[in-house]
Amino acid sequence: MPKEYYQLLEELQAIDFVLVELNLYLNTHPHDLEAIKQFNETAQQSMRLKVEFEKKFGPLMNFGKSFSSYPWNVDDTPWPWQV
């Protein structure tokens, strides 16, 4: 896989880690407006990165969570969790 594959995947993992942490924080601090703003901005950034990754390298998830190009590429390897 090209170097960009690993770079984008690492960036996605870092962004999604931030989302998990913000989610946990907001479960105990539901009125923290700045944290909610940060969560929403980070969620948008995560969605943009996922779209970019999938356009370049194929689906991140299967079972209808990601789209496939033609020809069917959902069974292409490696999957992100295999690298």
C-alpha atoms as a PDB file:
ATOM      1  CA  MET A   1       0.000   0.000   0.000  1.00  0.00           C
ATOM      2  CA  PRO A   2       1.197   3.547  -0.664  1.00  0.00           C
ATOM      3  CA  LYS A   3       2.518   5.702   2.158  1.00  0.00           C
ATOM      4  CA  GLU A   4      -0.567   7.947   1.920  1.00  0.00           C
ATOM      5  CA  TYR A   5      -2.778   4.960   2.849  1.00  0.00           C
ATOM      6  CA  TYR A   6      -1.047   4.620   6.213  1.00  0.00           C
ATOM      7  CA  GLN A   7      -0.925   8.368   6.796  1.00  0.00           C
ATOM      8  CA  LEU A   8      -4.661   8.826   6.203  1.00  0.00           C
ATOM      9  CA  LEU A   9      -5.497   5.750   8.255  1.00  0.00           C
ATOM     10  CA  GLU A  10      -3.396   7.013  11.178  1.00  0.00           C
ATOM     11  CA  GLU A  11      -5.028  10.445  10.957  1.00  0.00           C
ATOM     12  CA  LEU A  12      -8.468   8.820  10.964  1.00  0.00           C
ATOM     13  CA  GLN A  13      -7.589   6.719  13.995  1.00  0.00           C
ATOM     14  CA  ALA A  14      -6.377   9.794  15.875  1.00  0.00           C
ATOM     15  CA  ILE A  15      -9.506  11.803  15.025  1.00  0.00           C
ATOM     16  CA  ASP A  16     -11.788   8.946  16.003  1.00  0.00           C
ATOM     17  CA  PHE A  17      -9.889   8.552  19.290  1.00  0.00           C
ATOM     18  CA  VAL A  18     -10.586  12.222  20.034  1.00  0.00           C
ATOM     19  CA  LEU A  19     -14.280  11.599  19.280  1.00  0.00           C
ATOM     20  CA  VAL A  20     -14.394   8.688  21.733  1.00  0.00           C
ATOM     21  CA  GLU A  21     -12.744  10.778  24.437  1.00  0.00           C
ATOM     22  CA  LEU A  22     -15.061  13.737  23.841  1.00  0.00           C
ATOM     23  CA  ASN A  23     -18.044  11.393  23.873  1.00  0.00           C
ATOM     24  CA  LEU A  24     -16.997  10.007  27.259  1.00  0.00           C
ATOM     25  CA  TYR A  25     -16.380  13.509  28.614  1.00  0.00           C
ATOM     26  CA  LEU A  26     -19.746  14.786  27.387  1.00  0.00           C
ATOM     27  CA  ASN A  27     -21.524  11.865  29.067  1.00  0.00           C
ATOM     28  CA  THR A  28     -20.517  13.415  32.377  1.00  0.00           C
ATOM     29  CA  HIS A  29     -20.443  17.080  31.301  1.00  0.00           C
ATOM     30  CA  PRO A  30     -23.478  17.456  28.986  1.00  0.00           C
ATOM     31  CA  HIS A  31     -23.648  21.254  29.344  1.00  0.00           C
ATOM     32  CA  ASP A  32     -20.076  22.014  28.228  1.00  0.00           C
ATOM     33  CA  LEU A  33     -20.789  24.037  25.098  1.00  0.00           C
ATOM     34  CA  GLU A  34     -17.146  24.269  24.023  1.00  0.00           C
ATOM     35  CA  ALA A  35     -16.744  20.490  24.233  1.00  0.00           C
ATOM     36  CA  ILE A  36     -19.928  20.027  22.196  1.00  0.00           C
ATOM     37  CA  LYS A  37     -18.584  22.415  19.551  1.00  0.00           C
ATOM     38  CA  GLN A  38     -15.278  20.559  19.509  1.00  0.00           C
ATOM     39  CA  PHE A  39     -17.122  17.222  19.221  1.00  0.00           C
ATOM     40  CA  ASN A  40     -19.190  18.458  16.268  1.00  0.00           C
ATOM     41  CA  GLU A  41     -16.174  19.928  14.464  1.00  0.00           C
ATOM     42  CA  THR A  42     -14.174  16.756  15.023  1.00  0.00           C
ATOM     43  CA  ALA A  43     -17.082  14.601  13.812  1.00  0.00           C
ATOM     44  CA  GLN A  44     -17.233  16.635  10.592  1.00  0.00           C
ATOM     45  CA  GLN A  45     -13.477  16.301  10.159  1.00  0.00           C
ATOM     46  CA  SER A  46     -13.761  12.535  10.672  1.00  0.00           C
ATOM     47  CA  MET A  47     -16.495  12.271   8.041  1.00  0.00           C
ATOM     48  CA  ARG A  48     -14.430  14.278   5.534  1.00  0.00           C
ATOM     49  CA  LEU A  49     -11.370  12.087   6.131  1.00  0.00           C
ATOM     50  CA  LYS A  50     -13.431   8.910   5.731  1.00  0.00           C
ATOM     51  CA  VAL A  51     -14.851  10.129   2.426  1.00  0.00           C
ATOM     52  CA  GLU A  52     -11.344  11.029   1.219  1.00  0.00           C
ATOM     53  CA  PHE A  53      -9.928   7.677   2.338  1.00  0.00           C
ATOM     54  CA  GLU A  54     -12.719   5.681   0.698  1.00  0.00           C
ATOM     55  CA  LYS A  55     -12.404   7.584  -2.589  1.00  0.00           C
ATOM     56  CA  LYS A  56      -8.703   6.765  -2.742  1.00  0.00           C
ATOM     57  CA  PHE A  57      -8.488   3.333  -1.148  1.00  0.00           C
ATOM     58  CA  GLY A  58     -11.945   1.753  -0.964  1.00  0.00           C
ATOM     59  CA  PRO A  59     -14.391   1.065   1.839  1.00  0.00           C
ATOM     60  CA  LEU A  60     -13.508   1.297   5.506  1.00  0.00           C
ATOM     61  CA  MET A  61     -16.440  -0.883   6.594  1.00  0.00           C
ATOM     62  CA  ASN A  62     -18.718  -3.443   5.022  1.00  0.00           C
ATOM     63  CA  PHE A  63     -22.385  -4.442   5.373  1.00  0.00           C
ATOM     64  CA  GLY A  64     -23.689  -1.181   3.925  1.00  0.00           C
ATOM     65  CA  LYS A  65     -21.633   1.173   6.090  1.00  0.00           C
ATOM     66  CA  SER A  66     -19.523   2.209   3.087  1.00  0.00           C
ATOM     67  CA  PHE A  67     -20.181   2.467  -0.637  1.00  0.00           C
ATOM     68  CA  SER A  68     -18.454   0.429  -3.318  1.00  0.00           C
ATOM     69  CA  SER A  69     -17.102   1.606  -6.623  1.00  0.00           C
ATOM     70  CA  TYR A  70     -17.253  -0.476  -9.775  1.00  0.00           C
ATOM     71  CA  PRO A  71     -16.198  -3.225  -9.862  1.00  0.00           C
ATOM     72  CA  TRP A  72     -17.298  -4.410  -6.409  1.00  0.00           C
ATOM     73  CA  ASN A  73     -14.421  -3.565  -4.077  1.00  0.00           C
ATOM     74  CA  VAL A  74     -15.768  -4.415  -0.657  1.00  0.00           C
ATOM     75  CA  ASP A  75     -13.786  -7.660  -0.698  1.00  0.00           C
ATOM     76  CA  ASP A  76     -10.481  -5.970  -1.621  1.00  0.00           C
ATOM     77  CA  THR A  77      -7.724  -6.373   0.907  1.00  0.00           C
ATOM     78  CA  PRO A  78      -6.167  -5.302   3.109  1.00  0.00           C
ATOM     79  CA  TRP A  79      -8.919  -4.021   5.346  1.00  0.00           C
ATOM     80  CA  PRO A  80      -7.825  -1.134   7.590  1.00  0.00           C
ATOM     81  CA  TRP A  81      -7.750  -3.397  10.666  1.00  0.00           C
ATOM     82  CA  GLN A  82      -5.412  -5.813   8.857  1.00  0.00           C
ATOM     83  CA  VAL A  83      -2.560  -3.331   8.488  1.00  0.00           C
END
